[in-house]
Every structure is written in structure tokens, then in C-alpha cells.
């Protein structure tokens, strides 16, 4: 039942996004080409020209060709398996956990094309941005979504990501 409600909730947003992409021209923000093992992966960052430049994310990120890597939500657990009480340490641990996942899949933060951030307290956003800038290239940031949400247990932050690397 929850997945059906979620699908019905997200469907209008997906349709609007599709219409916007087909009806609007886009401004190319930056093109990047990355060469891995003689296969070039092209990642293109674009923003819609009629909207203000987004702070810390890109409206549209495309990539071709490559293998898509999906990272499940990572939380703030430390290497010892413990969950700290404070947001800053949880956020640092979350990015370290994401980095380990990316490395395991043969990727880096430069290969990330989409990130979803889930925060219990939206007032932690400024601290999140400071920590994120140490891991994510903010000149060409991935497409991103921020959601204030209740999380499981004592988690204060969770981040999932999608990356693209050569096959």
C-alpha cells in the first residue's frame, strides 16, 4: 500500500519533469569527460535558463556510456558500528561510508550524478553543506534532492546516490 501511495505521489512530479525537459531549452552548465580504461564517460551538467542558478545542485545531469552504480541510503555509523549522537559526526561518517561504497564499486564522488539527502532537522543544512563540499565537486555538483524526514532509530542523516562509471 505504501509503495502505491508513494508511486501516486511521485507520478505528477515525474510527469512535470518530463514535460519541462521536452518543452524547455536547457543551458549547459558544464561538460566533463572522464576517461577510464580507454572508455570515455561524458557527464553533462545543465540548468534551466529561466530559473535562478541552484545553490549546490544541478537541475539535470546526463551521462553516457557507462555502468550505473546505485548506492543505498548510508547513515552516520562509524567504523566501530556505533552511531554518534551529534549531526556533524553522523554527517562525516555518512560521507565516509558513501566513499567506501563508491570505491568498492570502482567509482569516486566525481562519478556521482544524483544524490538524495534525508535530514531529520532541516536546520542542519548549513553544516551538511560544509561537510559535503569536502567530498563533492561543487563546481559541477550532482543533481540532488533534500527531504526533511523522520529516520529509523537515532539516525539524523541518510544519503543515497547514483554514480556512472565505464563498463
N, C-alpha and C. Protein backbone atom coordinates (compact mmCIF):
# COMPACT_ATOMS: atom_id res chain seq x y z
N UNK A 1 0.82 -1.19 0.00
CA UNK A 1 0.00 0.00 0.00
C UNK A 1 0.87 1.26 0.00
N UNK A 2 1.95 1.25 0.85
CA UNK A 2 2.82 2.41 0.91
C UNK A 2 3.47 2.68 -0.44
N UNK A 3 3.92 1.65 -1.14
CA UNK A 3 4.57 1.85 -2.43
C UNK A 3 3.60 2.41 -3.45
N UNK A 4 2.33 2.00 -3.36
CA UNK A 4 1.33 2.53 -4.29
C UNK A 4 1.09 4.01 -4.01
N UNK A 5 0.99 4.38 -2.73
CA UNK A 5 0.80 5.79 -2.37
C UNK A 5 2.01 6.60 -2.80
N UNK A 6 3.21 6.06 -2.58
CA UNK A 6 4.42 6.74 -2.99
C UNK A 6 4.45 6.93 -4.50
N UNK A 7 4.10 5.89 -5.25
CA UNK A 7 4.09 5.99 -6.72
C UNK A 7 3.09 7.04 -7.17
N UNK A 8 1.91 7.06 -6.57
CA UNK A 8 0.91 8.05 -6.95
C UNK A 8 1.34 9.46 -6.57
N UNK A 9 2.10 9.58 -5.49
CA UNK A 9 2.60 10.88 -5.07
C UNK A 9 3.69 11.38 -6.01
N UNK A 10 4.57 10.49 -6.43
CA UNK A 10 5.70 10.88 -7.26
C UNK A 10 5.35 11.02 -8.74
N UNK A 11 4.29 10.36 -9.19
CA UNK A 11 3.95 10.36 -10.61
C UNK A 11 3.75 11.77 -11.16
N UNK A 12 2.98 12.66 -10.51
CA UNK A 12 2.81 14.01 -11.07
C UNK A 12 4.13 14.75 -11.19
N UNK A 13 5.02 14.60 -10.21
CA UNK A 13 6.32 15.27 -10.29
C UNK A 13 7.13 14.74 -11.46
N UNK A 14 7.11 13.44 -11.68
CA UNK A 14 7.85 12.85 -12.79
C UNK A 14 7.30 13.33 -14.13
N UNK A 15 5.98 13.41 -14.23
CA UNK A 15 5.37 13.90 -15.47
C UNK A 15 5.74 15.35 -15.73
N UNK A 16 5.70 16.18 -14.69
CA UNK A 16 6.06 17.59 -14.86
C UNK A 16 7.50 17.71 -15.28
N UNK A 17 8.38 16.94 -14.66
CA UNK A 17 9.80 16.98 -15.02
C UNK A 17 9.99 16.59 -16.48
N UNK A 18 9.29 15.55 -16.92
CA UNK A 18 9.37 15.13 -18.32
C UNK A 18 8.87 16.20 -19.26
N UNK A 19 7.79 16.85 -18.91
CA UNK A 19 7.26 17.93 -19.74
C UNK A 19 8.21 19.10 -19.79
N UNK A 20 8.80 19.45 -18.65
CA UNK A 20 9.75 20.56 -18.61
C UNK A 20 10.94 20.25 -19.50
N UNK A 21 11.44 19.02 -19.42
CA UNK A 21 12.60 18.67 -20.22
C UNK A 21 12.30 18.67 -21.71
N UNK A 22 11.09 18.31 -22.11
CA UNK A 22 10.77 18.29 -23.53
C UNK A 22 10.34 19.65 -24.03
N UNK A 23 9.81 20.49 -23.17
CA UNK A 23 9.27 21.77 -23.62
C UNK A 23 10.26 22.92 -23.49
N UNK A 24 11.28 22.79 -22.67
CA UNK A 24 12.20 23.90 -22.41
C UNK A 24 13.56 23.61 -23.03
N UNK A 25 14.21 24.69 -23.42
CA UNK A 25 15.61 24.53 -23.78
C UNK A 25 16.40 24.54 -22.48
N UNK A 26 17.58 23.98 -22.51
CA UNK A 26 18.38 23.94 -21.30
C UNK A 26 19.70 24.64 -21.54
N UNK A 27 20.23 25.21 -20.47
CA UNK A 27 21.54 25.84 -20.54
C UNK A 27 22.56 24.82 -20.07
N UNK A 28 23.57 24.56 -20.87
CA UNK A 28 24.61 23.62 -20.48
C UNK A 28 25.51 24.32 -19.48
N UNK A 29 25.58 23.75 -18.28
CA UNK A 29 26.36 24.35 -17.20
C UNK A 29 27.83 24.00 -17.34
N UNK A 30 28.10 22.77 -17.67
CA UNK A 30 29.48 22.33 -17.76
C UNK A 30 29.51 20.94 -18.38
N UNK A 31 30.49 20.70 -19.20
CA UNK A 31 30.69 19.36 -19.76
C UNK A 31 31.95 18.78 -19.16
N UNK A 32 31.90 17.53 -18.84
CA UNK A 32 33.08 16.83 -18.35
C UNK A 32 33.23 15.55 -19.14
N UNK A 33 34.44 15.20 -19.43
CA UNK A 33 34.71 13.89 -20.00
C UNK A 33 35.72 13.22 -19.09
N UNK A 34 35.45 11.99 -18.75
CA UNK A 34 36.35 11.22 -17.90
C UNK A 34 36.75 9.98 -18.66
N UNK A 35 38.03 9.73 -18.72
CA UNK A 35 38.48 8.54 -19.43
C UNK A 35 38.96 7.50 -18.43
N UNK A 36 38.36 6.35 -18.47
CA UNK A 36 38.72 5.22 -17.62
C UNK A 36 38.95 4.04 -18.57
N UNK A 37 40.13 3.47 -18.51
CA UNK A 37 40.43 2.27 -19.30
C UNK A 37 40.02 2.42 -20.76
N UNK A 38 40.37 3.55 -21.37
CA UNK A 38 40.12 3.84 -22.78
C UNK A 38 38.64 3.94 -23.15
N UNK A 39 37.78 4.07 -22.18
CA UNK A 39 36.36 4.30 -22.44
C UNK A 39 36.02 5.66 -21.86
N UNK A 40 35.49 6.53 -22.69
CA UNK A 40 35.17 7.87 -22.23
C UNK A 40 33.73 7.93 -21.73
N UNK A 41 33.58 8.42 -20.52
CA UNK A 41 32.25 8.65 -19.95
C UNK A 41 32.03 10.16 -19.98
N UNK A 42 30.98 10.58 -20.63
CA UNK A 42 30.68 12.00 -20.71
C UNK A 42 29.56 12.32 -19.72
N UNK A 43 29.84 13.25 -18.81
CA UNK A 43 28.85 13.71 -17.85
C UNK A 43 28.59 15.18 -18.15
N UNK A 44 27.32 15.50 -18.36
CA UNK A 44 26.94 16.86 -18.73
C UNK A 44 26.00 17.42 -17.65
N UNK A 45 26.33 18.62 -17.16
CA UNK A 45 25.52 19.30 -16.15
C UNK A 45 24.77 20.44 -16.82
N UNK A 46 23.45 20.49 -16.59
CA UNK A 46 22.62 21.52 -17.23
C UNK A 46 21.64 22.11 -16.22
N UNK A 47 21.39 23.40 -16.38
CA UNK A 47 20.36 24.07 -15.59
C UNK A 47 19.38 24.75 -16.53
N UNK A 48 18.14 24.85 -16.12
CA UNK A 48 17.13 25.54 -16.92
C UNK A 48 17.42 27.03 -16.88
N UNK A 49 17.50 27.70 -18.03
CA UNK A 49 17.93 29.10 -18.07
C UNK A 49 16.93 30.08 -17.44
N UNK A 50 15.68 29.71 -17.35
CA UNK A 50 14.69 30.65 -16.81
C UNK A 50 14.57 30.58 -15.29
N UNK A 51 15.32 29.68 -14.65
CA UNK A 51 15.30 29.57 -13.20
C UNK A 51 16.61 30.09 -12.62
N UNK A 52 16.59 30.58 -11.38
CA UNK A 52 17.85 31.01 -10.76
C UNK A 52 18.81 29.83 -10.66
N UNK A 53 20.12 30.14 -10.71
CA UNK A 53 21.11 29.06 -10.58
C UNK A 53 20.95 28.41 -9.21
N UNK A 54 20.83 27.09 -9.18
CA UNK A 54 20.58 26.41 -7.91
C UNK A 54 21.82 26.42 -7.01
N UNK A 55 21.61 26.56 -5.70
CA UNK A 55 22.74 26.57 -4.76
C UNK A 55 23.17 25.17 -4.36
N UNK A 56 24.24 24.66 -4.94
CA UNK A 56 24.77 23.38 -4.51
C UNK A 56 24.21 22.15 -5.18
N UNK A 57 23.45 22.31 -6.27
CA UNK A 57 22.98 21.16 -7.03
C UNK A 57 22.75 21.58 -8.47
N UNK A 58 22.57 20.62 -9.35
CA UNK A 58 22.33 20.85 -10.76
C UNK A 58 20.96 20.28 -11.10
N UNK A 59 20.19 21.01 -11.94
CA UNK A 59 18.86 20.54 -12.31
C UNK A 59 18.90 19.21 -13.06
N UNK A 60 19.81 19.10 -14.02
CA UNK A 60 19.83 17.92 -14.90
C UNK A 60 21.28 17.46 -15.06
N UNK A 61 21.51 16.15 -14.91
CA UNK A 61 22.82 15.56 -15.17
C UNK A 61 22.59 14.37 -16.08
N UNK A 62 23.30 14.35 -17.22
CA UNK A 62 23.21 13.21 -18.13
C UNK A 62 24.58 12.53 -18.20
N UNK A 63 24.58 11.26 -18.55
CA UNK A 63 25.84 10.55 -18.71
C UNK A 63 25.70 9.50 -19.81
N UNK A 64 26.83 9.25 -20.47
CA UNK A 64 26.86 8.20 -21.48
C UNK A 64 28.31 7.85 -21.78
N UNK A 65 28.64 6.68 -22.22
CA UNK A 65 28.01 5.43 -21.83
C UNK A 65 28.52 5.07 -20.45
N UNK A 66 28.14 3.95 -19.92
CA UNK A 66 28.71 3.53 -18.65
C UNK A 66 27.84 2.59 -17.86
N UNK A 67 28.40 2.14 -16.75
CA UNK A 67 27.72 1.27 -15.80
C UNK A 67 27.14 2.16 -14.70
N UNK A 68 25.88 1.97 -14.38
CA UNK A 68 25.25 2.75 -13.33
C UNK A 68 25.42 2.04 -11.99
N UNK A 69 25.83 2.80 -10.99
CA UNK A 69 26.06 2.28 -9.65
C UNK A 69 25.03 2.93 -8.72
N UNK A 70 24.22 2.12 -8.07
CA UNK A 70 23.19 2.62 -7.15
C UNK A 70 23.62 2.34 -5.72
N UNK A 71 23.75 3.40 -4.93
CA UNK A 71 24.12 3.24 -3.53
C UNK A 71 22.89 3.40 -2.66
N UNK A 72 22.60 2.40 -1.87
CA UNK A 72 21.50 2.51 -0.91
C UNK A 72 21.84 3.56 0.13
N UNK A 73 20.80 4.03 0.81
CA UNK A 73 21.00 5.06 1.82
C UNK A 73 22.04 4.67 2.86
N UNK A 74 22.97 5.58 3.08
CA UNK A 74 24.01 5.38 4.08
C UNK A 74 23.76 6.34 5.23
N UNK A 75 23.97 5.86 6.44
CA UNK A 75 23.78 6.67 7.63
C UNK A 75 25.10 6.96 8.31
N UNK A 76 25.01 7.52 9.50
CA UNK A 76 26.17 8.03 10.19
C UNK A 76 26.91 7.07 11.10
N UNK A 77 26.80 5.77 10.86
CA UNK A 77 27.51 4.80 11.68
C UNK A 77 29.01 4.89 11.45
N UNK A 78 29.78 4.85 12.53
CA UNK A 78 31.23 4.88 12.43
C UNK A 78 31.80 3.52 12.10
N UNK A 79 33.12 3.46 11.91
CA UNK A 79 33.78 2.19 11.60
C UNK A 79 33.60 1.17 12.72
N UNK A 80 33.34 1.66 13.92
CA UNK A 80 33.13 0.76 15.06
C UNK A 80 31.69 0.26 15.15
N UNK A 81 30.85 0.67 14.19
CA UNK A 81 29.46 0.25 14.17
C UNK A 81 28.56 1.05 15.08
N UNK A 82 29.13 2.03 15.76
CA UNK A 82 28.36 2.87 16.69
C UNK A 82 27.80 4.09 15.96
N UNK A 83 26.66 4.56 16.45
CA UNK A 83 26.02 5.75 15.89
C UNK A 83 26.21 6.91 16.85
N UNK A 84 26.99 7.93 16.46
CA UNK A 84 27.20 9.09 17.33
C UNK A 84 25.89 9.85 17.56
N UNK A 85 25.86 10.65 18.62
CA UNK A 85 24.66 11.41 18.96
C UNK A 85 24.53 12.70 18.16
N UNK A 86 25.66 13.25 17.67
CA UNK A 86 25.61 14.59 17.06
C UNK A 86 25.55 14.53 15.53
N UNK A 87 24.95 15.56 14.94
CA UNK A 87 24.75 15.62 13.49
C UNK A 87 26.08 15.67 12.74
N UNK A 88 27.01 16.51 13.17
CA UNK A 88 28.26 16.70 12.42
C UNK A 88 29.01 15.37 12.27
N UNK A 89 29.16 14.63 13.34
CA UNK A 89 29.87 13.34 13.26
C UNK A 89 29.10 12.35 12.41
N UNK A 90 27.78 12.32 12.55
CA UNK A 90 26.97 11.43 11.70
C UNK A 90 27.14 11.80 10.23
N UNK A 91 27.15 13.10 9.92
CA UNK A 91 27.29 13.52 8.52
C UNK A 91 28.66 13.14 7.97
N UNK A 92 29.72 13.38 8.76
CA UNK A 92 31.07 12.97 8.34
C UNK A 92 31.11 11.47 8.07
N UNK A 93 30.57 10.68 8.99
CA UNK A 93 30.56 9.23 8.82
C UNK A 93 29.76 8.82 7.60
N UNK A 94 28.66 9.51 7.35
CA UNK A 94 27.82 9.18 6.19
C UNK A 94 28.60 9.36 4.90
N UNK A 95 29.33 10.47 4.77
CA UNK A 95 30.12 10.69 3.55
C UNK A 95 31.27 9.70 3.46
N UNK A 96 31.88 9.34 4.58
CA UNK A 96 32.94 8.32 4.56
C UNK A 96 32.37 6.97 4.12
N UNK A 97 31.17 6.63 4.60
CA UNK A 97 30.54 5.37 4.20
C UNK A 97 30.20 5.39 2.71
N UNK A 98 29.70 6.52 2.22
CA UNK A 98 29.43 6.64 0.78
C UNK A 98 30.71 6.47 -0.02
N UNK A 99 31.79 7.09 0.46
CA UNK A 99 33.08 7.00 -0.24
C UNK A 99 33.55 5.55 -0.32
N UNK A 100 33.40 4.81 0.77
CA UNK A 100 33.79 3.39 0.77
C UNK A 100 32.93 2.58 -0.20
N UNK A 101 31.63 2.87 -0.23
CA UNK A 101 30.75 2.19 -1.19
C UNK A 101 31.17 2.48 -2.62
N UNK A 102 31.44 3.75 -2.90
CA UNK A 102 31.86 4.14 -4.25
C UNK A 102 33.15 3.43 -4.63
N UNK A 103 34.14 3.43 -3.74
CA UNK A 103 35.41 2.77 -4.02
C UNK A 103 35.22 1.28 -4.27
N UNK A 104 34.35 0.65 -3.51
CA UNK A 104 34.07 -0.77 -3.69
C UNK A 104 33.51 -1.05 -5.09
N UNK A 105 32.75 -0.10 -5.62
CA UNK A 105 32.15 -0.25 -6.95
C UNK A 105 33.05 0.29 -8.06
N UNK A 106 34.26 0.76 -7.71
CA UNK A 106 35.17 1.30 -8.71
C UNK A 106 34.83 2.72 -9.11
N UNK A 107 34.23 3.49 -8.21
CA UNK A 107 33.80 4.85 -8.52
C UNK A 107 34.36 5.82 -7.48
N UNK A 108 34.19 7.11 -7.76
CA UNK A 108 34.54 8.18 -6.83
C UNK A 108 33.37 9.16 -6.77
N UNK A 109 33.48 10.15 -5.89
CA UNK A 109 32.44 11.17 -5.83
C UNK A 109 32.33 11.94 -7.15
N UNK A 110 33.40 11.99 -7.94
CA UNK A 110 33.34 12.66 -9.25
C UNK A 110 32.44 11.93 -10.23
N UNK A 111 32.15 10.66 -9.97
CA UNK A 111 31.28 9.87 -10.84
C UNK A 111 29.81 9.94 -10.44
N UNK A 112 29.51 10.58 -9.31
CA UNK A 112 28.14 10.65 -8.80
C UNK A 112 27.33 11.63 -9.64
N UNK A 113 26.15 11.18 -10.09
CA UNK A 113 25.27 12.03 -10.91
C UNK A 113 23.99 12.42 -10.17
N UNK A 114 23.68 11.76 -9.05
CA UNK A 114 22.45 12.06 -8.31
C UNK A 114 22.65 11.70 -6.84
N UNK A 115 22.22 12.61 -5.96
CA UNK A 115 22.26 12.35 -4.52
C UNK A 115 20.93 12.77 -3.90
N UNK A 116 20.43 11.95 -3.00
CA UNK A 116 19.24 12.29 -2.21
C UNK A 116 19.66 12.40 -0.76
N UNK A 117 19.33 13.53 -0.15
CA UNK A 117 19.68 13.79 1.24
C UNK A 117 18.40 13.74 2.07
N UNK A 118 18.45 13.03 3.19
CA UNK A 118 17.33 12.95 4.12
C UNK A 118 17.82 13.43 5.48
N UNK A 119 17.22 14.51 5.98
CA UNK A 119 17.61 15.09 7.27
C UNK A 119 16.42 15.07 8.22
N UNK A 120 16.68 14.75 9.47
CA UNK A 120 15.63 14.85 10.48
C UNK A 120 15.35 16.33 10.76
N UNK A 121 16.40 17.14 10.86
CA UNK A 121 16.26 18.56 11.19
C UNK A 121 16.83 19.41 10.06
N UNK A 122 15.98 20.13 9.37
CA UNK A 122 16.39 20.95 8.23
C UNK A 122 17.36 22.06 8.66
N UNK A 123 17.39 22.38 9.95
CA UNK A 123 18.32 23.39 10.46
C UNK A 123 19.77 22.91 10.41
N UNK A 124 20.00 21.64 10.13
CA UNK A 124 21.36 21.10 9.98
C UNK A 124 21.91 21.30 8.57
N UNK A 125 21.15 21.94 7.70
CA UNK A 125 21.54 22.07 6.29
C UNK A 125 22.87 22.81 6.12
N UNK A 126 23.10 23.89 6.84
CA UNK A 126 24.35 24.65 6.68
C UNK A 126 25.56 23.77 7.02
N UNK A 127 25.47 22.99 8.08
CA UNK A 127 26.57 22.09 8.43
C UNK A 127 26.74 21.00 7.39
N UNK A 128 25.63 20.50 6.87
CA UNK A 128 25.69 19.49 5.80
C UNK A 128 26.44 20.04 4.59
N UNK A 129 26.10 21.26 4.19
CA UNK A 129 26.76 21.86 3.02
C UNK A 129 28.27 21.98 3.21
N UNK A 130 28.69 22.37 4.41
CA UNK A 130 30.13 22.49 4.68
C UNK A 130 30.84 21.15 4.57
N UNK A 131 30.25 20.12 5.12
CA UNK A 131 30.85 18.78 5.06
C UNK A 131 30.81 18.25 3.63
N UNK A 132 29.68 18.42 2.96
CA UNK A 132 29.54 17.94 1.57
C UNK A 132 30.61 18.53 0.67
N UNK A 133 30.94 19.81 0.85
CA UNK A 133 31.90 20.48 -0.04
C UNK A 133 33.30 19.87 0.05
N UNK A 134 33.58 19.11 1.10
CA UNK A 134 34.88 18.43 1.21
C UNK A 134 34.92 17.13 0.42
N UNK A 135 33.78 16.65 -0.02
CA UNK A 135 33.69 15.38 -0.75
C UNK A 135 33.22 15.55 -2.19
N UNK A 136 32.27 16.45 -2.40
CA UNK A 136 31.60 16.60 -3.70
C UNK A 136 32.16 17.83 -4.41
N UNK A 137 32.44 17.69 -5.70
CA UNK A 137 32.90 18.82 -6.51
C UNK A 137 31.75 19.80 -6.68
N UNK A 138 31.82 20.94 -6.01
CA UNK A 138 30.72 21.89 -6.04
C UNK A 138 30.75 22.78 -7.28
N UNK A 139 31.79 22.66 -8.12
CA UNK A 139 31.77 23.36 -9.41
C UNK A 139 30.81 22.68 -10.37
N UNK A 140 30.71 21.37 -10.27
CA UNK A 140 29.76 20.60 -11.08
C UNK A 140 29.05 19.60 -10.17
N UNK A 141 28.19 20.09 -9.30
CA UNK A 141 27.54 19.19 -8.34
C UNK A 141 26.53 18.28 -9.02
N UNK A 142 26.29 17.12 -8.42
CA UNK A 142 25.29 16.22 -8.98
C UNK A 142 23.88 16.78 -8.81
N UNK A 143 22.96 16.25 -9.58
CA UNK A 143 21.55 16.56 -9.35
C UNK A 143 21.23 16.06 -7.94
N UNK A 144 20.45 16.83 -7.19
CA UNK A 144 20.23 16.50 -5.79
C UNK A 144 18.82 16.83 -5.33
N UNK A 145 18.39 16.11 -4.30
CA UNK A 145 17.12 16.37 -3.65
C UNK A 145 17.35 16.32 -2.15
N UNK A 146 16.75 17.27 -1.42
CA UNK A 146 16.83 17.31 0.03
C UNK A 146 15.43 17.12 0.58
N UNK A 147 15.29 16.18 1.52
CA UNK A 147 13.99 15.89 2.13
C UNK A 147 14.15 15.90 3.64
N UNK A 148 13.26 16.62 4.31
CA UNK A 148 13.20 16.51 5.76
C UNK A 148 12.31 15.32 6.06
N UNK A 149 12.83 14.37 6.84
CA UNK A 149 12.09 13.12 7.04
C UNK A 149 12.45 12.49 8.38
N UNK A 150 11.49 11.82 8.99
CA UNK A 150 11.84 11.03 10.18
C UNK A 150 12.64 9.82 9.71
N UNK A 151 13.70 9.51 10.41
CA UNK A 151 14.54 8.38 10.03
C UNK A 151 14.46 7.30 11.11
N UNK A 152 14.96 6.14 10.78
CA UNK A 152 14.90 4.99 11.68
C UNK A 152 15.85 5.20 12.87
N UNK A 153 15.37 4.87 14.04
CA UNK A 153 16.20 4.95 15.24
C UNK A 153 16.70 6.35 15.50
N UNK A 154 18.00 6.45 15.79
CA UNK A 154 18.60 7.74 16.12
C UNK A 154 19.37 8.35 14.95
N UNK A 155 19.13 7.85 13.73
CA UNK A 155 19.76 8.46 12.55
C UNK A 155 19.29 9.90 12.41
N UNK A 156 20.23 10.80 12.12
CA UNK A 156 19.91 12.21 11.89
C UNK A 156 20.06 12.57 10.42
N UNK A 157 20.75 11.70 9.66
CA UNK A 157 21.01 11.94 8.24
C UNK A 157 21.11 10.60 7.52
N UNK A 158 20.66 10.58 6.28
CA UNK A 158 20.84 9.43 5.39
C UNK A 158 21.00 9.99 3.98
N UNK A 159 21.91 9.41 3.22
CA UNK A 159 22.15 9.85 1.85
C UNK A 159 22.23 8.63 0.96
N UNK A 160 21.51 8.66 -0.18
CA UNK A 160 21.71 7.64 -1.21
C UNK A 160 22.23 8.34 -2.45
N UNK A 161 22.82 7.58 -3.34
CA UNK A 161 23.47 8.18 -4.50
C UNK A 161 23.45 7.25 -5.70
N UNK A 162 23.61 7.86 -6.87
CA UNK A 162 23.76 7.13 -8.13
C UNK A 162 25.02 7.65 -8.80
N UNK A 163 25.85 6.73 -9.28
CA UNK A 163 27.08 7.10 -9.98
C UNK A 163 27.11 6.36 -11.31
N UNK A 164 27.90 6.87 -12.24
CA UNK A 164 28.08 6.22 -13.54
C UNK A 164 29.57 6.09 -13.80
N UNK A 165 29.99 4.85 -14.10
CA UNK A 165 31.39 4.56 -14.42
C UNK A 165 31.43 3.74 -15.71
N UNK A 166 32.60 3.67 -16.37
CA UNK A 166 32.68 2.86 -17.58
C UNK A 166 32.39 1.40 -17.29
N UNK A 167 31.86 0.71 -18.29
CA UNK A 167 31.58 -0.73 -18.12
C UNK A 167 32.86 -1.53 -18.24
